[in-house]
C-alpha atoms as a PDB file:
ATOM      1  CA  UNK A   1     222.780 180.710 171.388  1.00  0.00           C
ATOM      2  CA  UNK A   2     223.105 180.484 175.101  1.00  0.00           C
ATOM      3  CA  UNK A   3     223.564 176.701 175.930  1.00  0.00           C
ATOM      4  CA  UNK A   4     223.293 176.692 179.737  1.00  0.00           C
ATOM      5  CA  UNK A   5     220.126 174.968 180.770  1.00  0.00           C
ATOM      6  CA  UNK A   6     217.857 176.985 183.057  1.00  0.00           C
ATOM      7  CA  UNK A   7     214.653 174.805 183.138  1.00  0.00           C
ATOM      8  CA  UNK A   8     214.123 171.058 182.460  1.00  0.00           C
ATOM      9  CA  UNK A   9     210.483 170.142 181.643  1.00  0.00           C
ATOM     10  CA  UNK A  10     209.745 166.417 181.877  1.00  0.00           C
ATOM     11  CA  UNK A  11     206.459 165.417 180.191  1.00  0.00           C
ATOM     12  CA  UNK A  12     204.575 162.177 180.462  1.00  0.00           C
ATOM     13  CA  UNK A  13     201.186 160.529 179.622  1.00  0.00           C
ATOM     14  CA  UNK A  14     199.432 158.691 182.438  1.00  0.00           C
ATOM     15  CA  UNK A  15     199.803 155.027 182.775  1.00  0.00           C
ATOM     16  CA  UNK A  16     197.373 152.565 181.248  1.00  0.00           C
ATOM     17  CA  UNK A  17     193.865 153.105 182.697  1.00  0.00           C
ATOM     18  CA  UNK A  18     191.370 150.504 183.765  1.00  0.00           C
ATOM     19  CA  UNK A  19     189.230 150.328 180.802  1.00  0.00           C
ATOM     20  CA  UNK A  20     187.276 147.062 180.972  1.00  0.00           C
ATOM     21  CA  UNK A  21     184.198 148.589 182.626  1.00  0.00           C
ATOM     22  CA  UNK A  22     184.424 151.989 181.035  1.00  0.00           C
ATOM     23  CA  UNK A  23     184.863 151.480 177.296  1.00  0.00           C
ATOM     24  CA  UNK A  24     182.127 149.599 175.469  1.00  0.00           C
ATOM     25  CA  UNK A  25     182.400 147.849 172.137  1.00  0.00           C
ATOM     26  CA  UNK A  26     183.223 150.130 169.389  1.00  0.00           C
ATOM     27  CA  UNK A  27     184.116 153.047 171.680  1.00  0.00           C
ATOM     28  CA  UNK A  28     187.468 154.929 171.544  1.00  0.00           C
ATOM     29  CA  UNK A  29     189.735 153.672 174.137  1.00  0.00           C
ATOM     30  CA  UNK A  30     192.187 156.551 173.399  1.00  0.00           C
ATOM     31  CA  UNK A  31     189.662 158.836 174.906  1.00  0.00           C
ATOM     32  CA  UNK A  32     187.808 156.765 177.558  1.00  0.00           C
ATOM     33  CA  UNK A  33     184.600 158.061 179.107  1.00  0.00           C
ATOM     34  CA  UNK A  34     184.362 158.958 182.647  1.00  0.00           C
ATOM     35  CA  UNK A  35     187.274 159.014 185.119  1.00  0.00           C
ATOM     36  CA  UNK A  36     188.883 155.563 185.397  1.00  0.00           C
ATOM     37  CA  UNK A  37     191.784 154.824 187.777  1.00  0.00           C
ATOM     38  CA  UNK A  38     194.983 152.906 186.582  1.00  0.00           C
ATOM     39  CA  UNK A  39     195.080 149.361 185.728  1.00  0.00           C
ATOM     40  CA  UNK A  40     197.694 147.162 187.510  1.00  0.00           C
ATOM     41  CA  UNK A  41     199.822 147.552 184.404  1.00  0.00           C
ATOM     42  CA  UNK A  42     199.328 151.316 184.548  1.00  0.00           C
ATOM     43  CA  UNK A  43     200.504 151.358 188.127  1.00  0.00           C
ATOM     44  CA  UNK A  44     203.611 149.352 187.184  1.00  0.00           C
ATOM     45  CA  UNK A  45     204.361 151.689 184.317  1.00  0.00           C
ATOM     46  CA  UNK A  46     204.048 154.702 186.716  1.00  0.00           C
ATOM     47  CA  UNK A  47     206.537 153.080 189.097  1.00  0.00           C
ATOM     48  CA  UNK A  48     209.020 152.463 186.241  1.00  0.00           C
ATOM     49  CA  UNK A  49     208.767 156.034 185.320  1.00  0.00           C
ATOM     50  CA  UNK A  50     209.248 157.115 188.910  1.00  0.00           C
ATOM     51  CA  UNK A  51     212.437 154.942 189.173  1.00  0.00           C
ATOM     52  CA  UNK A  52     213.743 156.528 185.983  1.00  0.00           C
ATOM     53  CA  UNK A  53     213.306 160.002 187.246  1.00  0.00           C
ATOM     54  CA  UNK A  54     214.824 158.970 190.655  1.00  0.00           C
ATOM     55  CA  UNK A  55     217.980 157.734 188.958  1.00  0.00           C
ATOM     56  CA  UNK A  56     218.286 161.089 187.101  1.00  0.00           C
ATOM     57  CA  UNK A  57     218.023 163.010 190.480  1.00  0.00           C
ATOM     58  CA  UNK A  58     214.609 164.539 189.716  1.00  0.00           C
ATOM     59  CA  UNK A  59     213.712 166.967 192.570  1.00  0.00           C
ATOM     60  CA  UNK A  60     211.217 169.274 190.979  1.00  0.00           C
ATOM     61  CA  UNK A  61     207.458 169.724 191.419  1.00  0.00           C
ATOM     62  CA  UNK A  62     204.888 167.443 189.675  1.00  0.00           C
ATOM     63  CA  UNK A  63     202.071 169.065 187.981  1.00  0.00           C
ATOM     64  CA  UNK A  64     199.159 166.725 187.166  1.00  0.00           C
ATOM     65  CA  UNK A  65     195.805 166.858 185.363  1.00  0.00           C
ATOM     66  CA  UNK A  66     193.021 166.498 187.964  1.00  0.00           C
ATOM     67  CA  UNK A  67     191.760 163.155 186.482  1.00  0.00           C
ATOM     68  CA  UNK A  68     192.136 160.176 188.588  1.00  0.00           C
ATOM     69  CA  UNK A  69     194.411 158.276 186.109  1.00  0.00           C
ATOM     70  CA  UNK A  70     196.771 161.134 185.915  1.00  0.00           C
ATOM     71  CA  UNK A  71     196.798 161.973 189.692  1.00  0.00           C
ATOM     72  CA  UNK A  72     197.447 158.266 190.368  1.00  0.00           C
ATOM     73  CA  UNK A  73     200.372 158.274 188.117  1.00  0.00           C
ATOM     74  CA  UNK A  74     201.611 161.434 189.594  1.00  0.00           C
ATOM     75  CA  UNK A  75     201.182 159.955 193.177  1.00  0.00           C
ATOM     76  CA  UNK A  76     203.207 156.804 192.424  1.00  0.00           C
ATOM     77  CA  UNK A  77     205.952 158.865 190.772  1.00  0.00           C
ATOM     78  CA  UNK A  78     205.878 161.327 193.772  1.00  0.00           C
ATOM     79  CA  UNK A  79     206.237 158.503 196.329  1.00  0.00           C
ATOM     80  CA  UNK A  80     209.396 157.314 194.631  1.00  0.00           C
ATOM     81  CA  UNK A  81     211.086 160.644 194.134  1.00  0.00           C
ATOM     82  CA  UNK A  82     209.779 162.125 197.404  1.00  0.00           C
ATOM     83  CA  UNK A  83     207.982 164.917 195.575  1.00  0.00           C
ATOM     84  CA  UNK A  84     204.813 167.014 195.776  1.00  0.00           C
ATOM     85  CA  UNK A  85     201.908 167.018 193.270  1.00  0.00           C
ATOM     86  CA  UNK A  86     200.117 170.110 192.120  1.00  0.00           C
ATOM     87  CA  UNK A  87     196.801 169.564 190.340  1.00  0.00           C
ATOM     88  CA  UNK A  88     196.726 171.651 187.135  1.00  0.00           C
ATOM     89  CA  UNK A  89     193.465 172.073 185.170  1.00  0.00           C
ATOM     90  CA  UNK A  90     195.353 173.175 182.009  1.00  0.00           C
ATOM     91  CA  UNK A  91     196.655 169.515 181.578  1.00  0.00           C
ATOM     92  CA  UNK A  92     193.263 167.860 181.683  1.00  0.00           C
ATOM     93  CA  UNK A  93     191.840 165.692 178.916  1.00  0.00           C
ATOM     94  CA  UNK A  94     190.373 167.416 176.017  1.00  0.00           C
ATOM     95  CA  UNK A  95     186.568 167.551 175.870  1.00  0.00           C
ATOM     96  CA  UNK A  96     185.072 166.378 172.677  1.00  0.00           C
ATOM     97  CA  UNK A  97     181.349 166.912 173.220  1.00  0.00           C
ATOM     98  CA  UNK A  98     179.380 170.102 173.813  1.00  0.00           C
ATOM     99  CA  UNK A  99     179.602 171.381 177.384  1.00  0.00           C
ATOM    100  CA  UNK A 100     181.581 169.658 180.152  1.00  0.00           C
ATOM    101  CA  UNK A 101     182.308 165.936 180.790  1.00  0.00           C
ATOM    102  CA  UNK A 102     179.613 163.811 182.297  1.00  0.00           C
ATOM    103  CA  UNK A 103     181.205 162.691 185.533  1.00  0.00           C
ATOM    104  CA  UNK A 104     181.586 164.574 188.808  1.00  0.00           C
ATOM    105  CA  UNK A 105     185.369 164.912 189.101  1.00  0.00           C
ATOM    106  CA  UNK A 106     187.435 165.183 192.235  1.00  0.00           C
ATOM    107  CA  UNK A 107     187.315 168.237 194.578  1.00  0.00           C
ATOM    108  CA  UNK A 108     190.513 169.303 196.103  1.00  0.00           C
ATOM    109  CA  UNK A 109     189.794 167.626 199.583  1.00  0.00           C
ATOM    110  CA  UNK A 110     188.978 164.314 197.999  1.00  0.00           C
ATOM    111  CA  UNK A 111     192.243 164.571 195.911  1.00  0.00           C
ATOM    112  CA  UNK A 112     194.210 165.043 199.073  1.00  0.00           C
ATOM    113  CA  UNK A 113     192.518 162.131 200.750  1.00  0.00           C
ATOM    114  CA  UNK A 114     193.225 159.672 197.768  1.00  0.00           C
ATOM    115  CA  UNK A 115     196.564 161.000 196.880  1.00  0.00           C
ATOM    116  CA  UNK A 116     198.512 162.181 199.968  1.00  0.00           C
ATOM    117  CA  UNK A 117     201.411 163.662 197.979  1.00  0.00           C
ATOM    118  CA  UNK A 118     199.101 166.339 196.645  1.00  0.00           C
ATOM    119  CA  UNK A 119     200.474 169.489 198.114  1.00  0.00           C
ATOM    120  CA  UNK A 120     198.252 170.911 200.912  1.00  0.00           C
ATOM    121  CA  UNK A 121     199.280 174.381 200.078  1.00  0.00           C
ATOM    122  CA  UNK A 122     198.118 174.088 196.469  1.00  0.00           C
ATOM    123  CA  UNK A 123     194.768 175.546 195.306  1.00  0.00           C
ATOM    124  CA  UNK A 124     192.269 174.006 192.888  1.00  0.00           C
ATOM    125  CA  UNK A 125     189.035 175.588 191.652  1.00  0.00           C
ATOM    126  CA  UNK A 126     186.020 173.372 191.476  1.00  0.00           C
ATOM    127  CA  UNK A 127     184.455 172.615 189.108  1.00  0.00           C
ATOM    128  CA  UNK A 128     187.579 172.595 187.119  1.00  0.00           C
ATOM    129  CA  UNK A 129     186.275 171.093 183.766  1.00  0.00           C
ATOM    130  CA  UNK A 130     187.239 172.621 180.469  1.00  0.00           C
ATOM    131  CA  UNK A 131     184.199 173.330 178.207  1.00  0.00           C
ATOM    132  CA  UNK A 132     183.891 171.555 174.901  1.00  0.00           C
ATOM    133  CA  UNK A 133     183.884 171.011 172.119  1.00  0.00           C
ATOM    134  CA  UNK A 134     187.752 171.349 172.127  1.00  0.00           C
ATOM    135  CA  UNK A 135     190.312 170.703 169.484  1.00  0.00           C
ATOM    136  CA  UNK A 136     193.972 170.179 170.196  1.00  0.00           C
ATOM    137  CA  UNK A 137     195.122 172.683 167.621  1.00  0.00           C
ATOM    138  CA  UNK A 138     193.161 175.483 169.133  1.00  0.00           C
ATOM    139  CA  UNK A 139     191.574 175.222 172.478  1.00  0.00           C
ATOM    140  CA  UNK A 140     193.806 172.713 174.233  1.00  0.00           C
ATOM    141  CA  UNK A 141     196.928 174.524 172.900  1.00  0.00           C
ATOM    142  CA  UNK A 142     195.571 177.918 174.176  1.00  0.00           C
ATOM    143  CA  UNK A 143     195.023 176.539 177.730  1.00  0.00           C
ATOM    144  CA  UNK A 144     198.421 174.793 177.986  1.00  0.00           C
ATOM    145  CA  UNK A 145     200.165 177.877 176.550  1.00  0.00           C
ATOM    146  CA  UNK A 146     198.953 179.956 179.394  1.00  0.00           C
ATOM    147  CA  UNK A 147     200.109 177.338 181.861  1.00  0.00           C
ATOM    148  CA  UNK A 148     203.584 177.012 180.296  1.00  0.00           C
ATOM    149  CA  UNK A 149     204.072 180.764 180.274  1.00  0.00           C
ATOM    150  CA  UNK A 150     203.525 180.871 184.016  1.00  0.00           C
ATOM    151  CA  UNK A 151     205.621 177.812 184.533  1.00  0.00           C
ATOM    152  CA  UNK A 152     208.532 179.484 182.681  1.00  0.00           C
ATOM    153  CA  UNK A 153     208.539 182.429 185.088  1.00  0.00           C
ATOM    154  CA  UNK A 154     208.806 180.421 188.217  1.00  0.00           C
ATOM    155  CA  UNK A 155     212.188 180.007 190.017  1.00  0.00           C
ATOM    156  CA  UNK A 156     212.510 176.183 190.175  1.00  0.00           C
ATOM    157  CA  UNK A 157     214.905 174.267 187.708  1.00  0.00           C
ATOM    158  CA  UNK A 158     212.800 171.208 186.779  1.00  0.00           C
ATOM    159  CA  UNK A 159     209.163 170.024 186.745  1.00  0.00           C
ATOM    160  CA  UNK A 160     207.244 166.993 185.600  1.00  0.00           C
ATOM    161  CA  UNK A 161     203.871 167.400 183.845  1.00  0.00           C
ATOM    162  CA  UNK A 162     201.523 164.496 183.858  1.00  0.00           C
ATOM    163  CA  UNK A 163     198.733 164.717 181.260  1.00  0.00           C
ATOM    164  CA  UNK A 164     196.780 162.933 178.627  1.00  0.00           C
ATOM    165  CA  UNK A 165     197.534 162.155 174.911  1.00  0.00           C
ATOM    166  CA  UNK A 166     195.856 165.438 173.779  1.00  0.00           C
ATOM    167  CA  UNK A 167     197.202 167.755 176.524  1.00  0.00           C
ATOM    168  CA  UNK A 168     200.828 166.409 176.459  1.00  0.00           C
ATOM    169  CA  UNK A 169     200.880 166.626 172.678  1.00  0.00           C
ATOM    170  CA  UNK A 170     199.638 170.221 172.846  1.00  0.00           C
ATOM    171  CA  UNK A 171     202.423 171.123 175.477  1.00  0.00           C
ATOM    172  CA  UNK A 172     205.058 169.663 173.218  1.00  0.00           C
ATOM    173  CA  UNK A 173     203.541 171.510 170.159  1.00  0.00           C
ATOM    174  CA  UNK A 174     203.826 174.780 171.959  1.00  0.00           C
ATOM    175  CA  UNK A 175     207.347 174.215 173.448  1.00  0.00           C
ATOM    176  CA  UNK A 176     208.681 173.062 169.963  1.00  0.00           C
ATOM    177  CA  UNK A 177     206.791 175.506 167.872  1.00  0.00           C
ATOM    178  CA  UNK A 178     209.847 176.856 166.043  1.00  0.00           C
ATOM    179  CA  UNK A 179     211.451 173.415 165.484  1.00  0.00           C
ATOM    180  CA  UNK A 180     209.986 172.021 162.108  1.00  0.00           C
ATOM    181  CA  UNK A 181     211.783 168.675 162.496  1.00  0.00           C
ATOM    182  CA  UNK A 182     210.406 168.117 166.073  1.00  0.00           C
ATOM    183  CA  UNK A 183     206.890 168.996 164.730  1.00  0.00           C
ATOM    184  CA  UNK A 184     207.144 166.304 162.219  1.00  0.00           C
ATOM    185  CA  UNK A 185     208.465 163.790 164.983  1.00  0.00           C
ATOM    186  CA  UNK A 186     205.381 164.596 166.890  1.00  0.00           C
ATOM    187  CA  UNK A 187     203.211 163.705 164.063  1.00  0.00           C
ATOM    188  CA  UNK A 188     204.927 160.355 163.389  1.00  0.00           C
ATOM    189  CA  UNK A 189     205.663 159.005 166.933  1.00  0.00           C
ATOM    190  CA  UNK A 190     203.001 157.667 169.252  1.00  0.00           C
ATOM    191  CA  UNK A 191     202.762 158.912 172.752  1.00  0.00           C
ATOM    192  CA  UNK A 192     202.847 155.781 174.867  1.00  0.00           C
ATOM    193  CA  UNK A 193     201.626 155.415 178.331  1.00  0.00           C
ATOM    194  CA  UNK A 194     204.263 156.696 180.748  1.00  0.00           C
ATOM    195  CA  UNK A 195     206.694 157.624 177.960  1.00  0.00           C
ATOM    196  CA  UNK A 196     209.043 160.466 178.904  1.00  0.00           C
ATOM    197  CA  UNK A 197     209.740 163.554 176.837  1.00  0.00           C
ATOM    198  CA  UNK A 198     212.481 165.891 178.157  1.00  0.00           C
ATOM    199  CA  UNK A 199     212.673 169.561 177.049  1.00  0.00           C
ATOM    200  CA  UNK A 200     215.732 171.594 178.182  1.00  0.00           C
ATOM    201  CA  UNK A 201     215.273 175.434 178.015  1.00  0.00           C
ATOM    202  CA  UNK A 202     217.993 178.211 178.462  1.00  0.00           C
ATOM    203  CA  UNK A 203     217.663 181.575 180.131  1.00  0.00           C
ATOM    204  CA  UNK A 204     216.201 183.148 177.026  1.00  0.00           C
ATOM    205  CA  UNK A 205     213.415 180.736 176.958  1.00  0.00           C
ATOM    206  CA  UNK A 206     214.824 178.821 173.965  1.00  0.00           C
ATOM    207  CA  UNK A 207     214.793 175.130 173.727  1.00  0.00           C
ATOM    208  CA  UNK A 208     218.415 173.826 173.679  1.00  0.00           C
ATOM    209  CA  UNK A 209     217.905 169.957 173.764  1.00  0.00           C
ATOM    210  CA  UNK A 210     214.915 167.606 173.544  1.00  0.00           C
ATOM    211  CA  UNK A 211     213.961 163.906 173.815  1.00  0.00           C
ATOM    212  CA  UNK A 212     210.548 162.804 172.697  1.00  0.00           C
ATOM    213  CA  UNK A 213     208.407 159.904 173.864  1.00  0.00           C
ATOM    214  CA  UNK A 214     211.178 157.715 175.367  1.00  0.00           C
ATOM    215  CA  UNK A 215     210.199 154.266 176.692  1.00  0.00           C
ATOM    216  CA  UNK A 216     213.484 152.888 177.384  1.00  0.00           C
ATOM    217  CA  UNK A 217     212.614 152.792 181.205  1.00  0.00           C
ATOM    218  CA  UNK A 218     209.645 150.492 180.389  1.00  0.00           C
ATOM    219  CA  UNK A 219     210.075 146.606 179.779  1.00  0.00           C
ATOM    220  CA  UNK A 220     208.926 145.654 176.381  1.00  0.00           C
ATOM    221  CA  UNK A 221     205.678 144.050 177.556  1.00  0.00           C
ATOM    222  CA  UNK A 222     204.580 147.376 179.111  1.00  0.00           C
ATOM    223  CA  UNK A 223     204.585 149.411 175.865  1.00  0.00           C
ATOM    224  CA  UNK A 224     200.943 150.419 175.647  1.00  0.00           C
ATOM    225  CA  UNK A 225     198.700 153.132 174.405  1.00  0.00           C
ATOM    226  CA  UNK A 226     195.703 152.620 176.751  1.00  0.00           C
ATOM    227  CA  UNK A 227     194.121 149.340 175.571  1.00  0.00           C
ATOM    228  CA  UNK A 228     196.549 148.996 172.727  1.00  0.00           C
ATOM    229  CA  UNK A 229     199.336 146.601 173.687  1.00  0.00           C
ATOM    230  CA  UNK A 230     202.205 147.120 171.357  1.00  0.00           C
ATOM    231  CA  UNK A 231     204.261 144.033 172.055  1.00  0.00           C
ATOM    232  CA  UNK A 232     202.429 140.818 171.454  1.00  0.00           C
ATOM    233  CA  UNK A 233     204.122 137.660 172.863  1.00  0.00           C
ATOM    234  CA  UNK A 234     205.522 135.403 170.069  1.00  0.00           C
END
């Protein structure tokens, strides 16, 4: 197998969203309704991720779901690595209900005004919502597969994908489809907020190295899965 790395895909889930006013009692904080921004902790997580990528010399494009929590994560990282953000609908949250999500969503001009590192030359259809109901195994994998196929044909050497639990999981399932051990790791390991997966691909499009859901760049008290705080003091 050819071992020379041709493309490095960095993959992350957004930072912790601000959930206090969006998730009611008994609701699923792993799939919050609406389009919340990041919490203070989420912004700190995104900064830690940005500095991690900066120390690795990351210079690639940053592709982000068009939700606010992902764009804000991407913006914070982009400010640190001096990068550009490309909104990418394929990375958006999956839609559980029939139809489209029940919030307005950001049009491209508003994205640019809120997140200045969004590339002005990018194009973004509106409305960009996926139509539900979706499942990760079928519909989400289908939409991210199309995006990843196009990504693999571009000339840059590295890229960061900023998505949600479902879309990031689907990306990794597609990229590691032929690796049975990695598929098992995906099932048994939680995708924490601002964790970092790294997939290295050779010129033949084969994965030659991988690292899944690394959180070594995050202090212990920043290990979260949305509202779930992993580390409890004492």
